[in-house]
Amino acid sequence: MTVLADNRHERDDRLEAAVASLRDIATELRIGILVTRESPQSFTVAVSPLVPFGMTREMDETVDI
């Protein structure tokens, strides 16, 4: 799911809600949740087999190498 926010308070509230909405699915599948920052205002939140069960991990795609 995509989360868009214009300020920090909005971002934190929306990301918390997105993670909470995926928690039951992640538990059922026994996998974790991945939060990916696409830009300063855009995030993707998804269940992911790359994240251990019971964990939420963050990844920043905005970093230039």
PDB file of N, CA and C in Angstrom:
ATOM      1  N   MET A   1       0.844  -1.160   0.000  1.00  0.00           N
ATOM      2  CA  MET A   1       0.000   0.000   0.000  1.00  0.00           C
ATOM      3  C   MET A   1       0.897   1.233   0.000  1.00  0.00           C
ATOM      4  N   THR A   2       0.445   2.279  -0.631  1.00  0.00           N
ATOM      5  CA  THR A   2       1.197   3.522  -0.708  1.00  0.00           C
ATOM      6  C   THR A   2       0.687   4.505   0.336  1.00  0.00           C
ATOM      7  N   VAL A   3       1.619   5.153   1.020  1.00  0.00           N
ATOM      8  CA  VAL A   3       1.299   6.162   2.027  1.00  0.00           C
ATOM      9  C   VAL A   3       1.906   7.483   1.562  1.00  0.00           C
ATOM     10  N   LEU A   4       1.072   8.512   1.469  1.00  0.00           N
ATOM     11  CA  LEU A   4       1.519   9.847   1.086  1.00  0.00           C
ATOM     12  C   LEU A   4       1.275  10.799   2.249  1.00  0.00           C
ATOM     13  N   ALA A   5       2.243  11.691   2.505  1.00  0.00           N
ATOM     14  CA  ALA A   5       2.093  12.641   3.606  1.00  0.00           C
ATOM     15  C   ALA A   5       2.920  13.887   3.323  1.00  0.00           C
ATOM     16  N   ASP A   6       2.392  15.031   3.742  1.00  0.00           N
ATOM     17  CA  ASP A   6       3.069  16.307   3.524  1.00  0.00           C
ATOM     18  C   ASP A   6       3.859  16.802   4.726  1.00  0.00           C
ATOM     19  N   ASN A   7       3.621  16.207   5.915  1.00  0.00           N
ATOM     20  CA  ASN A   7       4.356  16.651   7.097  1.00  0.00           C
ATOM     21  C   ASN A   7       4.633  15.448   8.004  1.00  0.00           C
ATOM     22  N   ARG A   8       5.500  15.649   8.981  1.00  0.00           N
ATOM     23  CA  ARG A   8       5.951  14.554   9.838  1.00  0.00           C
ATOM     24  C   ARG A   8       4.811  13.928  10.642  1.00  0.00           C
ATOM     25  N   HIS A   9       3.942  14.751  11.213  1.00  0.00           N
ATOM     26  CA  HIS A   9       2.835  14.225  12.017  1.00  0.00           C
ATOM     27  C   HIS A   9       1.918  13.354  11.161  1.00  0.00           C
ATOM     28  N   GLU A  10       1.554  13.860  10.006  1.00  0.00           N
ATOM     29  CA  GLU A  10       0.700  13.114   9.077  1.00  0.00           C
ATOM     30  C   GLU A  10       1.400  11.814   8.659  1.00  0.00           C
ATOM     31  N   ARG A  11       2.690  11.908   8.347  1.00  0.00           N
ATOM     32  CA  ARG A  11       3.458  10.732   7.925  1.00  0.00           C
ATOM     33  C   ARG A  11       3.442   9.667   9.010  1.00  0.00           C
ATOM     34  N   ASP A  12       3.769  10.053  10.243  1.00  0.00           N
ATOM     35  CA  ASP A  12       3.829   9.079  11.331  1.00  0.00           C
ATOM     36  C   ASP A  12       2.483   8.413  11.565  1.00  0.00           C
ATOM     37  N   ASP A  13       1.417   9.189  11.593  1.00  0.00           N
ATOM     38  CA  ASP A  13       0.073   8.635  11.802  1.00  0.00           C
ATOM     39  C   ASP A  13      -0.312   7.673  10.692  1.00  0.00           C
ATOM     40  N   ARG A  14      -0.063   8.069   9.453  1.00  0.00           N
ATOM     41  CA  ARG A  14      -0.449   7.222   8.314  1.00  0.00           C
ATOM     42  C   ARG A  14       0.389   5.950   8.235  1.00  0.00           C
ATOM     43  N   LEU A  15       1.688   6.058   8.528  1.00  0.00           N
ATOM     44  CA  LEU A  15       2.524   4.854   8.515  1.00  0.00           C
ATOM     45  C   LEU A  15       2.119   3.893   9.630  1.00  0.00           C
ATOM     46  N   GLU A  16       1.841   4.407  10.807  1.00  0.00           N
ATOM     47  CA  GLU A  16       1.371   3.547  11.901  1.00  0.00           C
ATOM     48  C   GLU A  16       0.086   2.826  11.524  1.00  0.00           C
ATOM     49  N   ALA A  17      -0.846   3.548  10.912  1.00  0.00           N
ATOM     50  CA  ALA A  17      -2.118   2.945  10.497  1.00  0.00           C
ATOM     51  C   ALA A  17      -1.895   1.879   9.427  1.00  0.00           C
ATOM     52  N   ALA A  18      -0.997   2.144   8.494  1.00  0.00           N
ATOM     53  CA  ALA A  18      -0.728   1.179   7.423  1.00  0.00           C
ATOM     54  C   ALA A  18      -0.107  -0.098   7.985  1.00  0.00           C
ATOM     55  N   VAL A  19       0.872   0.051   8.868  1.00  0.00           N
ATOM     56  CA  VAL A  19       1.502  -1.119   9.478  1.00  0.00           C
ATOM     57  C   VAL A  19       0.470  -1.901  10.286  1.00  0.00           C
ATOM     58  N   ALA A  20      -0.348  -1.218  11.050  1.00  0.00           N
ATOM     59  CA  ALA A  20      -1.378  -1.894  11.847  1.00  0.00           C
ATOM     60  C   ALA A  20      -2.357  -2.660  10.963  1.00  0.00           C
ATOM     61  N   SER A  21      -2.692  -2.091   9.819  1.00  0.00           N
ATOM     62  CA  SER A  21      -3.655  -2.752   8.932  1.00  0.00           C
ATOM     63  C   SER A  21      -3.081  -4.021   8.295  1.00  0.00           C
ATOM     64  N   LEU A  22      -1.758  -4.138   8.226  1.00  0.00           N
ATOM     65  CA  LEU A  22      -1.125  -5.325   7.636  1.00  0.00           C
ATOM     66  C   LEU A  22      -0.690  -6.356   8.672  1.00  0.00           C
ATOM     67  N   ARG A  23      -0.770  -6.010   9.936  1.00  0.00           N
ATOM     68  CA  ARG A  23      -0.260  -6.883  10.989  1.00  0.00           C
ATOM     69  C   ARG A  23      -0.935  -8.258  10.996  1.00  0.00           C
ATOM     70  N   ASP A  24      -2.251  -8.317  10.833  1.00  0.00           N
ATOM     71  CA  ASP A  24      -2.953  -9.614  10.840  1.00  0.00           C
ATOM     72  C   ASP A  24      -2.519 -10.483   9.663  1.00  0.00           C
ATOM     73  N   ILE A  25      -2.366  -9.876   8.499  1.00  0.00           N
ATOM     74  CA  ILE A  25      -1.922 -10.629   7.317  1.00  0.00           C
ATOM     75  C   ILE A  25      -0.507 -11.160   7.534  1.00  0.00           C
ATOM     76  N   ALA A  26       0.380 -10.304   8.048  1.00  0.00           N
ATOM     77  CA  ALA A  26       1.759 -10.725   8.306  1.00  0.00           C
ATOM     78  C   ALA A  26       1.801 -11.866   9.313  1.00  0.00           C
ATOM     79  N   THR A  27       0.963 -11.789  10.336  1.00  0.00           N
ATOM     80  CA  THR A  27       0.907 -12.855  11.344  1.00  0.00           C
ATOM     81  C   THR A  27       0.418 -14.153  10.725  1.00  0.00           C
ATOM     82  N   GLU A  28      -0.618 -14.071   9.927  1.00  0.00           N
ATOM     83  CA  GLU A  28      -1.157 -15.268   9.270  1.00  0.00           C
ATOM     84  C   GLU A  28      -0.119 -15.913   8.359  1.00  0.00           C
ATOM     85  N   LEU A  29       0.633 -15.101   7.632  1.00  0.00           N
ATOM     86  CA  LEU A  29       1.641 -15.608   6.700  1.00  0.00           C
ATOM     87  C   LEU A  29       2.985 -15.890   7.378  1.00  0.00           C
ATOM     88  N   ARG A  30       3.119 -15.458   8.645  1.00  0.00           N
ATOM     89  CA  ARG A  30       4.357 -15.636   9.413  1.00  0.00           C
ATOM     90  C   ARG A  30       5.544 -14.973   8.739  1.00  0.00           C
ATOM     91  N   ILE A  31       5.325 -13.727   8.280  1.00  0.00           N
ATOM     92  CA  ILE A  31       6.383 -12.918   7.684  1.00  0.00           C
ATOM     93  C   ILE A  31       6.311 -11.510   8.280  1.00  0.00           C
ATOM     94  N   GLY A  32       7.284 -10.681   7.957  1.00  0.00           N
ATOM     95  CA  GLY A  32       7.339  -9.342   8.513  1.00  0.00           C
ATOM     96  C   GLY A  32       6.758  -8.285   7.591  1.00  0.00           C
ATOM     97  N   ILE A  33       6.964  -7.038   7.990  1.00  0.00           N
ATOM     98  CA  ILE A  33       6.435  -5.886   7.249  1.00  0.00           C
ATOM     99  C   ILE A  33       7.611  -4.995   6.844  1.00  0.00           C
ATOM    100  N   LEU A  34       7.611  -4.556   5.596  1.00  0.00           N
ATOM    101  CA  LEU A  34       8.659  -3.697   5.062  1.00  0.00           C
ATOM    102  C   LEU A  34       8.072  -2.336   4.707  1.00  0.00           C
ATOM    103  N   VAL A  35       8.694  -1.281   5.246  1.00  0.00           N
ATOM    104  CA  VAL A  35       8.311   0.092   4.945  1.00  0.00           C
ATOM    105  C   VAL A  35       9.429   0.683   4.087  1.00  0.00           C
ATOM    106  N   THR A  36       9.101   1.062   2.859  1.00  0.00           N
ATOM    107  CA  THR A  36      10.100   1.596   1.931  1.00  0.00           C
ATOM    108  C   THR A  36       9.813   3.061   1.654  1.00  0.00           C
ATOM    109  N   ARG A  37      10.803   3.886   1.896  1.00  0.00           N
ATOM    110  CA  ARG A  37      10.684   5.322   1.621  1.00  0.00           C
ATOM    111  C   ARG A  37      11.051   5.547   0.153  1.00  0.00           C
ATOM    112  N   GLU A  38      10.072   5.977  -0.629  1.00  0.00           N
ATOM    113  CA  GLU A  38      10.273   6.212  -2.058  1.00  0.00           C
ATOM    114  C   GLU A  38      10.722   7.651  -2.315  1.00  0.00           C
ATOM    115  N   SER A  39      10.230   8.568  -1.515  1.00  0.00           N
ATOM    116  CA  SER A  39      10.577   9.987  -1.580  1.00  0.00           C
ATOM    117  C   SER A  39      10.262  10.567  -0.205  1.00  0.00           C
ATOM    118  N   PRO A  40      10.598  11.832   0.042  1.00  0.00           N
ATOM    119  CA  PRO A  40      10.283  12.394   1.361  1.00  0.00           C
ATOM    120  C   PRO A  40       8.791  12.364   1.708  1.00  0.00           C
ATOM    121  N   GLN A  41       7.923  12.307   0.714  1.00  0.00           N
ATOM    122  CA  GLN A  41       6.477  12.305   0.974  1.00  0.00           C
ATOM    123  C   GLN A  41       5.778  10.986   0.638  1.00  0.00           C
ATOM    124  N   SER A  42       6.498  10.016   0.113  1.00  0.00           N
ATOM    125  CA  SER A  42       5.868   8.786  -0.370  1.00  0.00           C
ATOM    126  C   SER A  42       6.561   7.542   0.195  1.00  0.00           C
ATOM    127  N   PHE A  43       5.734   6.611   0.705  1.00  0.00           N
ATOM    128  CA  PHE A  43       6.227   5.373   1.297  1.00  0.00           C
ATOM    129  C   PHE A  43       5.376   4.211   0.789  1.00  0.00           C
ATOM    130  N   THR A  44       6.006   3.038   0.704  1.00  0.00           N
ATOM    131  CA  THR A  44       5.283   1.813   0.403  1.00  0.00           C
ATOM    132  C   THR A  44       5.369   0.925   1.642  1.00  0.00           C
ATOM    133  N   VAL A  45       4.233   0.381   2.057  1.00  0.00           N
ATOM    134  CA  VAL A  45       4.179  -0.515   3.214  1.00  0.00           C
ATOM    135  C   VAL A  45       3.622  -1.845   2.706  1.00  0.00           C
ATOM    136  N   ALA A  46       4.376  -2.942   2.966  1.00  0.00           N
ATOM    137  CA  ALA A  46       3.959  -4.246   2.439  1.00  0.00           C
ATOM    138  C   ALA A  46       4.440  -5.361   3.351  1.00  0.00           C
ATOM    139  N   VAL A  47       3.717  -6.478   3.341  1.00  0.00           N
ATOM    140  CA  VAL A  47       4.228  -7.681   3.985  1.00  0.00           C
ATOM    141  C   VAL A  47       5.347  -8.200   3.097  1.00  0.00           C
ATOM    142  N   SER A  48       6.380  -8.788   3.718  1.00  0.00           N
ATOM    143  CA  SER A  48       7.537  -9.217   2.940  1.00  0.00           C
ATOM    144  C   SER A  48       8.193 -10.448   3.549  1.00  0.00           C
ATOM    145  N   PRO A  49       8.453 -11.470   2.729  1.00  0.00           N
ATOM    146  CA  PRO A  49       9.176 -12.641   3.233  1.00  0.00           C
ATOM    147  C   PRO A  49      10.653 -12.322   3.518  1.00  0.00           C
ATOM    148  N   LEU A  50      11.122 -11.157   3.086  1.00  0.00           N
ATOM    149  CA  LEU A  50      12.501 -10.743   3.353  1.00  0.00           C
ATOM    150  C   LEU A  50      12.682 -10.224   4.780  1.00  0.00           C
ATOM    151  N   VAL A  51      11.564  -9.984   5.466  1.00  0.00           N
ATOM    152  CA  VAL A  51      11.595  -9.469   6.839  1.00  0.00           C
ATOM    153  C   VAL A  51      11.150 -10.588   7.777  1.00  0.00           C
ATOM    154  N   PRO A  52      11.926 -10.862   8.836  1.00  0.00           N
ATOM    155  CA  PRO A  52      11.550 -11.926   9.765  1.00  0.00           C
ATOM    156  C   PRO A  52      10.188 -11.668  10.408  1.00  0.00           C
ATOM    157  N   PHE A  53       9.498 -12.753  10.692  1.00  0.00           N
ATOM    158  CA  PHE A  53       8.195 -12.691  11.338  1.00  0.00           C
ATOM    159  C   PHE A  53       8.282 -11.896  12.638  1.00  0.00           C
ATOM    160  N   GLY A  54       7.307 -11.018  12.838  1.00  0.00           N
ATOM    161  CA  GLY A  54       7.242 -10.223  14.057  1.00  0.00           C
ATOM    162  C   GLY A  54       8.021  -8.919  13.987  1.00  0.00           C
ATOM    163  N   MET A  55       8.686  -8.677  12.871  1.00  0.00           N
ATOM    164  CA  MET A  55       9.520  -7.483  12.718  1.00  0.00           C
ATOM    165  C   MET A  55       8.929  -6.535  11.677  1.00  0.00           C
ATOM    166  N   THR A  56       9.243  -5.246  11.832  1.00  0.00           N
ATOM    167  CA  THR A  56       8.969  -4.234  10.813  1.00  0.00           C
ATOM    168  C   THR A  56      10.307  -3.599  10.485  1.00  0.00           C
ATOM    169  N   ARG A  57      10.673  -3.619   9.214  1.00  0.00           N
ATOM    170  CA  ARG A  57      11.951  -3.041   8.786  1.00  0.00           C
ATOM    171  C   ARG A  57      11.693  -1.864   7.877  1.00  0.00           C
ATOM    172  N   GLU A  58      12.656  -0.956   7.862  1.00  0.00           N
ATOM    173  CA  GLU A  58      12.579   0.226   7.011  1.00  0.00           C
ATOM    174  C   GLU A  58      13.686   0.176   5.970  1.00  0.00           C
ATOM    175  N   MET A  59      13.375   0.643   4.764  1.00  0.00           N
ATOM    176  CA  MET A  59      14.355   0.731   3.696  1.00  0.00           C
ATOM    177  C   MET A  59      14.192   2.104   3.046  1.00  0.00           C
ATOM    178  N   ASP A  60      15.300   2.741   2.734  1.00  0.00           N
ATOM    179  CA  ASP A  60      15.263   4.080   2.138  1.00  0.00           C
ATOM    180  C   ASP A  60      15.741   4.004   0.696  1.00  0.00           C
ATOM    181  N   GLU A  61      14.830   4.167  -0.233  1.00  0.00           N
ATOM    182  CA  GLU A  61      15.151   4.143  -1.658  1.00  0.00           C
ATOM    183  C   GLU A  61      15.587   5.503  -2.170  1.00  0.00           C
ATOM    184  N   THR A  62      15.622   6.510  -1.308  1.00  0.00           N
ATOM    185  CA  THR A  62      15.972   7.863  -1.754  1.00  0.00           C
ATOM    186  C   THR A  62      17.476   8.116  -1.686  1.00  0.00           C
ATOM    187  N   VAL A  63      18.236   7.180  -1.137  1.00  0.00           N
ATOM    188  CA  VAL A  63      19.667   7.359  -0.985  1.00  0.00           C
ATOM    189  C   VAL A  63      20.369   7.099  -2.314  1.00  0.00           C
ATOM    190  N   ASP A  64      21.153   8.080  -2.765  1.00  0.00           N
ATOM    191  CA  ASP A  64      21.936   7.915  -3.991  1.00  0.00           C
ATOM    192  C   ASP A  64      23.290   7.294  -3.659  1.00  0.00           C
ATOM    193  N   ILE A  65      23.691   6.355  -4.496  1.00  0.00           N
ATOM    194  CA  ILE A  65      25.002   5.703  -4.292  1.00  0.00           C
ATOM    195  C   ILE A  65      26.011   6.293  -5.247  1.00  0.00           C
TER     196      ILE A  65
END
